[in-house]
């Protein structure tokens, strides 16, 4: 049984997810996000995310990326620009596959860990909301 606080959080998250997916479906710059795709994303959002711990080398490379002020600023500015252009945030996948942010040899595991480090470091929020990824701090 959920406490009142947990129920409020769940209701707030559900409303945020619906609003974010609705904005992406309505976005003229995102023609691949159809109503059907939006419904699929809503269903997937209800699942618990699974994280890959990765190897020590992957964790070290991700930490080096997330800890590099120039790369971090570039990544955060890309997310801010995406919001400005689209009116909603990118998905994690869109962010992780943005070619201008990652070298071609960066593995998916390194990318996932780097994003999680940005979240843990207080730089990103909206991670449990599809199309809700956003910068928590204003890039300098």
Protein backbone atom coordinates (compact mmCIF):
# COMPACT_ATOMS: atom_id res chain seq x y z
CA UNK A 1 0.00 0.00 0.00
CA UNK A 2 1.32 3.41 -0.95
CA UNK A 3 1.57 6.32 1.41
CA UNK A 4 -0.13 9.57 0.50
CA UNK A 5 3.24 11.01 -0.48
CA UNK A 6 4.03 8.09 -2.78
CA UNK A 7 0.60 8.30 -4.38
CA UNK A 8 1.05 12.03 -4.96
CA UNK A 9 4.48 11.42 -6.51
CA UNK A 10 3.10 8.68 -8.79
CA UNK A 11 0.20 10.90 -9.91
CA UNK A 12 2.56 13.82 -10.55
CA UNK A 13 4.92 11.61 -12.55
CA UNK A 14 2.05 10.15 -14.60
CA UNK A 15 0.81 13.65 -15.45
CA UNK A 16 4.34 14.70 -16.40
CA UNK A 17 4.81 11.64 -18.60
CA UNK A 18 1.51 12.22 -20.39
CA UNK A 19 2.28 15.91 -20.95
CA UNK A 20 5.80 15.23 -22.23
CA UNK A 21 4.71 12.48 -24.61
CA UNK A 22 1.81 14.63 -25.79
CA UNK A 23 4.22 17.48 -26.57
CA UNK A 24 6.49 15.14 -28.53
CA UNK A 25 3.57 13.69 -30.51
CA UNK A 26 2.42 17.23 -31.35
CA UNK A 27 5.94 18.42 -32.26
CA UNK A 28 6.29 19.18 -35.97
CA UNK A 29 10.04 18.55 -35.72
CA UNK A 30 9.46 14.97 -34.51
CA UNK A 31 7.44 13.30 -37.29
CA UNK A 32 8.51 9.81 -36.17
CA UNK A 33 6.75 10.28 -32.83
CA UNK A 34 3.25 9.27 -33.87
CA UNK A 35 0.29 8.74 -31.54
CA UNK A 36 0.98 4.99 -31.73
CA UNK A 37 4.64 5.52 -30.86
CA UNK A 38 3.55 7.80 -28.01
CA UNK A 39 1.32 5.06 -26.60
CA UNK A 40 4.20 2.60 -26.87
CA UNK A 41 6.49 5.02 -25.03
CA UNK A 42 3.88 5.54 -22.30
CA UNK A 43 3.71 1.79 -21.75
CA UNK A 44 7.49 1.51 -21.64
CA UNK A 45 7.72 4.40 -19.15
CA UNK A 46 5.77 2.33 -16.65
CA UNK A 47 8.55 -0.28 -16.63
CA UNK A 48 11.46 -0.06 -14.21
CA UNK A 49 14.69 0.98 -15.94
CA UNK A 50 17.59 -1.42 -15.83
CA UNK A 51 21.14 -0.13 -15.56
CA UNK A 52 24.27 -1.79 -16.77
CA UNK A 53 27.08 -1.44 -14.27
CA UNK A 54 29.66 -1.95 -17.01
CA UNK A 55 33.29 -2.85 -16.73
CA UNK A 56 35.81 -0.85 -14.74
CA UNK A 57 37.17 0.55 -18.01
CA UNK A 58 33.68 1.62 -19.14
CA UNK A 59 32.98 3.27 -15.79
CA UNK A 60 36.33 5.08 -15.93
CA UNK A 61 35.74 6.34 -19.46
CA UNK A 62 32.21 7.49 -18.57
CA UNK A 63 33.52 9.25 -15.46
CA UNK A 64 36.16 11.02 -17.56
CA UNK A 65 33.48 12.22 -19.99
CA UNK A 66 30.99 13.33 -17.33
CA UNK A 67 33.80 14.98 -15.38
CA UNK A 68 35.13 16.93 -18.37
CA UNK A 69 33.68 20.46 -18.04
CA UNK A 70 33.91 21.17 -21.78
CA UNK A 71 32.12 17.96 -22.79
CA UNK A 72 29.53 18.37 -20.03
CA UNK A 73 28.78 21.95 -21.10
CA UNK A 74 28.46 20.87 -24.72
CA UNK A 75 26.06 18.07 -23.74
CA UNK A 76 23.96 20.33 -21.52
CA UNK A 77 23.82 23.02 -24.20
CA UNK A 78 22.66 20.42 -26.73
CA UNK A 79 19.77 19.45 -24.42
CA UNK A 80 18.87 23.10 -23.84
CA UNK A 81 18.87 23.75 -27.60
CA UNK A 82 16.72 20.67 -28.19
CA UNK A 83 14.15 22.02 -25.70
CA UNK A 84 14.26 25.42 -27.38
CA UNK A 85 13.71 23.94 -30.85
CA UNK A 86 11.14 21.26 -29.96
CA UNK A 87 9.31 22.48 -26.85
CA UNK A 88 10.03 19.15 -25.17
CA UNK A 89 13.10 17.25 -24.13
CA UNK A 90 14.92 14.50 -25.96
CA UNK A 91 14.63 10.88 -24.98
CA UNK A 92 17.64 9.28 -23.33
CA UNK A 93 18.16 7.33 -26.54
CA UNK A 94 18.16 10.48 -28.68
CA UNK A 95 20.70 12.06 -26.35
CA UNK A 96 22.87 8.92 -26.21
CA UNK A 97 22.91 8.65 -30.00
CA UNK A 98 23.58 12.31 -30.80
CA UNK A 99 26.67 11.96 -33.00
CA UNK A 100 28.01 15.43 -32.22
CA UNK A 101 28.39 14.56 -28.53
CA UNK A 102 30.08 11.17 -28.66
CA UNK A 103 33.11 9.84 -30.46
CA UNK A 104 32.27 6.93 -32.79
CA UNK A 105 34.07 4.43 -30.55
CA UNK A 106 32.02 5.30 -27.44
CA UNK A 107 30.05 2.20 -26.48
CA UNK A 108 26.40 2.19 -25.45
CA UNK A 109 27.43 1.16 -21.95
CA UNK A 110 29.79 4.12 -21.60
CA UNK A 111 27.06 6.45 -22.87
CA UNK A 112 24.49 5.07 -20.40
CA UNK A 113 26.89 5.37 -17.48
CA UNK A 114 27.89 8.92 -18.50
CA UNK A 115 24.24 10.00 -18.62
CA UNK A 116 23.61 8.40 -15.24
CA UNK A 117 26.63 10.24 -13.83
CA UNK A 118 25.21 13.52 -15.13
CA UNK A 119 21.95 12.72 -13.35
CA UNK A 120 23.71 11.69 -10.16
CA UNK A 121 25.84 14.83 -10.33
CA UNK A 122 22.73 17.02 -10.37
CA UNK A 123 23.13 18.20 -13.96
CA UNK A 124 20.08 16.49 -15.50
CA UNK A 125 16.53 15.86 -14.44
CA UNK A 126 13.40 14.44 -16.06
CA UNK A 127 14.97 11.04 -16.53
CA UNK A 128 11.83 9.09 -15.62
CA UNK A 129 9.73 11.08 -18.07
CA UNK A 130 9.88 10.31 -21.81
CA UNK A 131 10.80 13.47 -23.71
CA UNK A 132 11.38 15.12 -20.34
CA UNK A 133 15.17 15.06 -20.13
CA UNK A 134 16.30 18.54 -19.19
CA UNK A 135 19.21 20.45 -17.75
CA UNK A 136 19.03 21.04 -14.02
CA UNK A 137 21.65 23.79 -14.12
CA UNK A 138 22.14 26.61 -16.59
CA UNK A 139 25.29 25.99 -18.63
CA UNK A 140 27.89 28.69 -18.03
